N, C-alpha and C. Protein backbone atom coordinates (compact mmCIF):
# COMPACT_ATOMS: atom_id res chain seq x y z
N UNK A 1 -168.28 23.83 113.38
CA UNK A 1 -169.44 24.68 113.42
C UNK A 1 -170.15 24.48 114.76
N UNK A 2 -170.56 25.58 115.37
CA UNK A 2 -171.28 25.53 116.63
C UNK A 2 -172.77 25.34 116.36
N UNK A 3 -173.35 24.37 116.99
CA UNK A 3 -174.78 24.12 116.85
C UNK A 3 -175.52 24.88 117.95
N UNK A 4 -176.67 25.42 117.61
CA UNK A 4 -177.49 26.13 118.58
C UNK A 4 -178.82 25.40 118.74
N UNK A 5 -179.46 25.65 119.88
CA UNK A 5 -180.73 24.99 120.17
C UNK A 5 -181.84 26.03 120.31
N UNK A 6 -183.06 25.63 119.97
CA UNK A 6 -184.20 26.50 120.20
C UNK A 6 -184.23 26.88 121.67
N UNK A 7 -184.52 28.14 121.96
CA UNK A 7 -184.55 28.63 123.33
C UNK A 7 -183.21 29.16 123.80
N UNK A 8 -182.14 28.88 123.05
CA UNK A 8 -180.82 29.38 123.42
C UNK A 8 -180.76 30.89 123.16
N UNK A 9 -180.10 31.63 124.06
CA UNK A 9 -179.92 33.06 123.90
C UNK A 9 -178.53 33.32 123.34
N UNK A 10 -178.48 34.13 122.26
CA UNK A 10 -177.22 34.42 121.58
C UNK A 10 -176.95 35.92 121.70
N UNK A 11 -175.76 36.31 122.20
CA UNK A 11 -175.44 37.74 122.34
C UNK A 11 -174.89 38.33 121.04
N UNK A 12 -174.99 39.64 120.91
CA UNK A 12 -174.42 40.36 119.78
C UNK A 12 -174.13 41.79 120.18
N UNK A 13 -173.44 42.52 119.30
CA UNK A 13 -173.14 43.92 119.57
C UNK A 13 -172.82 44.65 118.28
N UNK A 14 -172.78 45.97 118.38
CA UNK A 14 -172.29 46.77 117.26
C UNK A 14 -170.77 46.60 117.21
N UNK A 15 -170.12 47.25 116.25
CA UNK A 15 -168.67 47.09 116.07
C UNK A 15 -167.87 47.53 117.30
N UNK A 16 -168.23 48.67 117.90
CA UNK A 16 -167.45 49.19 119.03
C UNK A 16 -167.87 48.59 120.37
N UNK A 17 -169.01 47.90 120.41
CA UNK A 17 -169.47 47.26 121.64
C UNK A 17 -170.32 48.14 122.53
N UNK A 18 -170.58 49.38 122.12
CA UNK A 18 -171.40 50.27 122.95
C UNK A 18 -172.84 49.80 123.03
N UNK A 19 -173.35 49.22 121.93
CA UNK A 19 -174.71 48.68 121.91
C UNK A 19 -174.61 47.17 121.94
N UNK A 20 -175.25 46.57 122.93
CA UNK A 20 -175.25 45.12 123.05
C UNK A 20 -176.70 44.64 123.07
N UNK A 21 -176.88 43.47 122.51
CA UNK A 21 -178.23 42.91 122.44
C UNK A 21 -178.14 41.40 122.56
N UNK A 22 -179.29 40.78 122.72
CA UNK A 22 -179.35 39.32 122.68
C UNK A 22 -180.64 38.91 122.01
N UNK A 23 -180.57 37.77 121.34
CA UNK A 23 -181.73 37.20 120.68
C UNK A 23 -181.92 35.77 121.18
N UNK A 24 -183.16 35.37 121.24
CA UNK A 24 -183.49 34.01 121.64
C UNK A 24 -183.92 33.24 120.39
N UNK A 25 -183.29 32.12 120.18
CA UNK A 25 -183.58 31.29 119.01
C UNK A 25 -184.88 30.51 119.21
N UNK A 26 -185.53 30.12 118.14
CA UNK A 26 -185.08 30.11 116.76
C UNK A 26 -185.43 31.40 116.04
N UNK A 27 -184.75 31.67 114.94
CA UNK A 27 -185.12 32.76 114.06
C UNK A 27 -186.21 32.25 113.13
N UNK A 28 -186.91 33.17 112.48
CA UNK A 28 -187.95 32.77 111.53
C UNK A 28 -187.34 32.44 110.17
N UNK A 29 -186.49 33.34 109.68
CA UNK A 29 -185.78 33.12 108.41
C UNK A 29 -184.43 33.81 108.49
N UNK A 30 -183.53 33.41 107.59
CA UNK A 30 -182.24 34.06 107.42
C UNK A 30 -182.04 34.22 105.91
N UNK A 31 -181.66 35.43 105.49
CA UNK A 31 -181.55 35.71 104.05
C UNK A 31 -180.31 36.54 103.74
N UNK A 32 -179.92 36.51 102.48
CA UNK A 32 -178.92 37.43 101.93
C UNK A 32 -179.70 38.44 101.10
N UNK A 33 -179.71 39.69 101.51
CA UNK A 33 -180.47 40.72 100.80
C UNK A 33 -179.55 41.50 99.87
N UNK A 34 -179.97 41.66 98.64
CA UNK A 34 -179.20 42.40 97.62
C UNK A 34 -179.89 43.69 97.22
N UNK A 35 -180.90 44.13 97.96
CA UNK A 35 -181.63 45.35 97.57
C UNK A 35 -180.71 46.56 97.66
N UNK A 36 -181.04 47.61 96.93
CA UNK A 36 -180.17 48.79 96.89
C UNK A 36 -180.04 49.46 98.25
N UNK A 37 -181.10 49.44 99.06
CA UNK A 37 -181.02 50.08 100.37
C UNK A 37 -180.05 49.33 101.28
N UNK A 38 -180.14 48.02 101.34
CA UNK A 38 -179.23 47.24 102.17
C UNK A 38 -177.78 47.38 101.69
N UNK A 39 -177.58 47.37 100.38
CA UNK A 39 -176.22 47.54 99.85
C UNK A 39 -175.65 48.89 100.23
N UNK A 40 -176.47 49.94 100.14
CA UNK A 40 -176.02 51.29 100.49
C UNK A 40 -175.69 51.41 101.97
N UNK A 41 -176.57 50.94 102.82
CA UNK A 41 -176.39 51.05 104.27
C UNK A 41 -175.15 50.30 104.74
N UNK A 42 -174.90 49.12 104.17
CA UNK A 42 -173.80 48.28 104.63
C UNK A 42 -172.53 48.41 103.81
N UNK A 43 -172.61 49.09 102.66
CA UNK A 43 -171.43 49.26 101.81
C UNK A 43 -170.90 47.94 101.30
N UNK A 44 -171.82 47.05 100.95
CA UNK A 44 -171.44 45.71 100.50
C UNK A 44 -172.38 45.25 99.39
N UNK A 45 -172.00 44.18 98.72
CA UNK A 45 -172.82 43.64 97.64
C UNK A 45 -174.13 43.04 98.16
N UNK A 46 -174.13 42.59 99.41
CA UNK A 46 -175.33 42.05 100.05
C UNK A 46 -175.13 42.07 101.55
N UNK A 47 -176.20 41.89 102.26
CA UNK A 47 -176.13 41.79 103.72
C UNK A 47 -176.94 40.56 104.14
N UNK A 48 -176.42 39.85 105.13
CA UNK A 48 -177.13 38.69 105.67
C UNK A 48 -177.87 39.16 106.92
N UNK A 49 -179.14 38.85 106.99
CA UNK A 49 -179.93 39.21 108.16
C UNK A 49 -180.94 38.12 108.46
N UNK A 50 -181.49 38.21 109.64
CA UNK A 50 -182.49 37.24 110.05
C UNK A 50 -183.66 37.95 110.68
N UNK A 51 -184.79 37.28 110.72
CA UNK A 51 -185.98 37.85 111.35
C UNK A 51 -186.39 36.98 112.53
N UNK A 52 -187.04 37.64 113.47
CA UNK A 52 -187.61 36.94 114.62
C UNK A 52 -188.63 37.85 115.27
N UNK A 53 -189.56 37.29 116.03
CA UNK A 53 -190.53 38.11 116.74
C UNK A 53 -189.81 39.05 117.72
N UNK A 54 -190.33 40.27 117.86
CA UNK A 54 -189.70 41.28 118.72
C UNK A 54 -189.50 40.77 120.15
N UNK A 55 -190.39 39.93 120.64
CA UNK A 55 -190.27 39.43 122.01
C UNK A 55 -189.04 38.54 122.19
N UNK A 56 -188.40 38.13 121.09
CA UNK A 56 -187.22 37.28 121.16
C UNK A 56 -185.91 38.07 121.09
N UNK A 57 -186.00 39.40 121.19
CA UNK A 57 -184.77 40.20 121.17
C UNK A 57 -184.87 41.32 122.19
N UNK A 58 -183.70 41.74 122.68
CA UNK A 58 -183.69 42.88 123.58
C UNK A 58 -182.30 43.52 123.58
N UNK A 59 -182.29 44.83 123.77
CA UNK A 59 -181.03 45.57 123.92
C UNK A 59 -180.64 45.42 125.38
N UNK A 60 -179.42 44.95 125.63
CA UNK A 60 -178.97 44.73 127.01
C UNK A 60 -178.06 45.85 127.51
N UNK A 61 -177.52 46.65 126.60
CA UNK A 61 -176.68 47.80 126.99
C UNK A 61 -176.62 48.78 125.84
N UNK A 62 -176.55 50.07 126.15
CA UNK A 62 -176.35 51.08 125.14
C UNK A 62 -177.58 51.56 124.40
N UNK A 63 -178.75 51.34 124.96
CA UNK A 63 -179.98 51.82 124.31
C UNK A 63 -179.87 53.31 123.98
N UNK A 64 -179.24 54.08 124.87
CA UNK A 64 -179.08 55.52 124.65
C UNK A 64 -178.06 55.85 123.56
N UNK A 65 -177.30 54.88 123.11
CA UNK A 65 -176.33 55.08 122.03
C UNK A 65 -176.94 54.83 120.65
N UNK A 66 -178.19 54.38 120.60
CA UNK A 66 -178.84 54.09 119.33
C UNK A 66 -179.44 55.35 118.71
N UNK A 67 -179.23 55.50 117.42
CA UNK A 67 -179.87 56.53 116.62
C UNK A 67 -180.80 55.80 115.67
N UNK A 68 -182.01 56.30 115.54
CA UNK A 68 -182.99 55.63 114.68
C UNK A 68 -183.29 56.48 113.46
N UNK A 69 -183.44 55.79 112.33
CA UNK A 69 -183.72 56.46 111.06
C UNK A 69 -184.84 55.74 110.34
N UNK A 70 -185.97 56.44 110.07
CA UNK A 70 -187.04 55.80 109.30
C UNK A 70 -186.60 55.68 107.84
N UNK A 71 -186.24 54.48 107.42
CA UNK A 71 -185.67 54.27 106.09
C UNK A 71 -186.71 53.97 105.02
N UNK A 72 -187.93 53.70 105.43
CA UNK A 72 -189.01 53.46 104.48
C UNK A 72 -190.34 53.68 105.19
N UNK A 73 -191.42 53.49 104.48
CA UNK A 73 -192.73 53.68 105.11
C UNK A 73 -193.07 52.57 106.10
N UNK A 74 -192.28 51.49 106.12
CA UNK A 74 -192.58 50.38 107.01
C UNK A 74 -191.38 49.93 107.87
N UNK A 75 -190.23 50.61 107.75
CA UNK A 75 -189.06 50.17 108.50
C UNK A 75 -188.29 51.31 109.15
N UNK A 76 -187.71 51.02 110.31
CA UNK A 76 -186.86 51.97 111.03
C UNK A 76 -185.54 51.28 111.33
N UNK A 77 -184.44 51.85 110.84
CA UNK A 77 -183.10 51.29 111.07
C UNK A 77 -182.49 51.94 112.29
N UNK A 78 -181.81 51.14 113.10
CA UNK A 78 -181.13 51.64 114.29
C UNK A 78 -179.63 51.50 114.11
N UNK A 79 -178.89 52.55 114.46
CA UNK A 79 -177.44 52.60 114.31
C UNK A 79 -176.80 52.98 115.63
N UNK A 80 -175.60 52.50 115.88
CA UNK A 80 -174.83 52.96 117.02
C UNK A 80 -174.30 54.35 116.70
N UNK A 81 -174.53 55.32 117.55
CA UNK A 81 -174.08 56.68 117.28
C UNK A 81 -172.56 56.82 117.41
N UNK A 82 -171.88 55.86 118.05
CA UNK A 82 -170.42 55.93 118.18
C UNK A 82 -169.69 55.39 116.96
N UNK A 83 -170.04 54.16 116.53
CA UNK A 83 -169.32 53.54 115.42
C UNK A 83 -170.12 53.53 114.12
N UNK A 84 -171.37 53.98 114.18
CA UNK A 84 -172.26 54.09 113.01
C UNK A 84 -172.62 52.75 112.38
N UNK A 85 -172.39 51.65 113.07
CA UNK A 85 -172.75 50.34 112.54
C UNK A 85 -174.23 50.08 112.72
N UNK A 86 -174.88 49.59 111.67
CA UNK A 86 -176.28 49.21 111.81
C UNK A 86 -176.44 48.12 112.87
N UNK A 87 -177.40 48.27 113.73
CA UNK A 87 -177.63 47.27 114.77
C UNK A 87 -178.84 46.40 114.44
N UNK A 88 -179.93 47.03 114.06
CA UNK A 88 -181.10 46.26 113.68
C UNK A 88 -182.10 47.11 112.93
N UNK A 89 -183.05 46.44 112.35
CA UNK A 89 -184.12 47.08 111.58
C UNK A 89 -185.44 46.56 112.10
N UNK A 90 -186.31 47.48 112.50
CA UNK A 90 -187.67 47.11 112.91
C UNK A 90 -188.58 47.31 111.71
N UNK A 91 -189.32 46.28 111.37
CA UNK A 91 -190.22 46.34 110.23
C UNK A 91 -191.63 46.02 110.70
N UNK A 92 -192.56 46.84 110.27
CA UNK A 92 -193.97 46.58 110.58
C UNK A 92 -194.46 45.47 109.66
N UNK A 93 -195.05 44.45 110.23
CA UNK A 93 -195.62 43.35 109.45
C UNK A 93 -196.99 43.79 108.96
N UNK A 94 -197.20 43.67 107.68
CA UNK A 94 -198.49 44.10 107.10
C UNK A 94 -199.43 42.94 106.96
């Protein structure tokens, strides 16, 4: 298992690689979500996701390839328009 350190930057991408991003650790929480919306969007029994302050993440390539969908009154999901893989969800903190 690879250990990570606070302040370390971790890269990620959508399935096809058109959208690339990076996050700076630490995350706030990591969860397995079983809600109906997450199951529908990902086509799975659950999805694992993590939260972090917006200042700890950035899109490094393919911003123009993102399609955004307001999925609820407090969240907007972003998808790669090429491979349709969910990239991230912005949620307003109440």
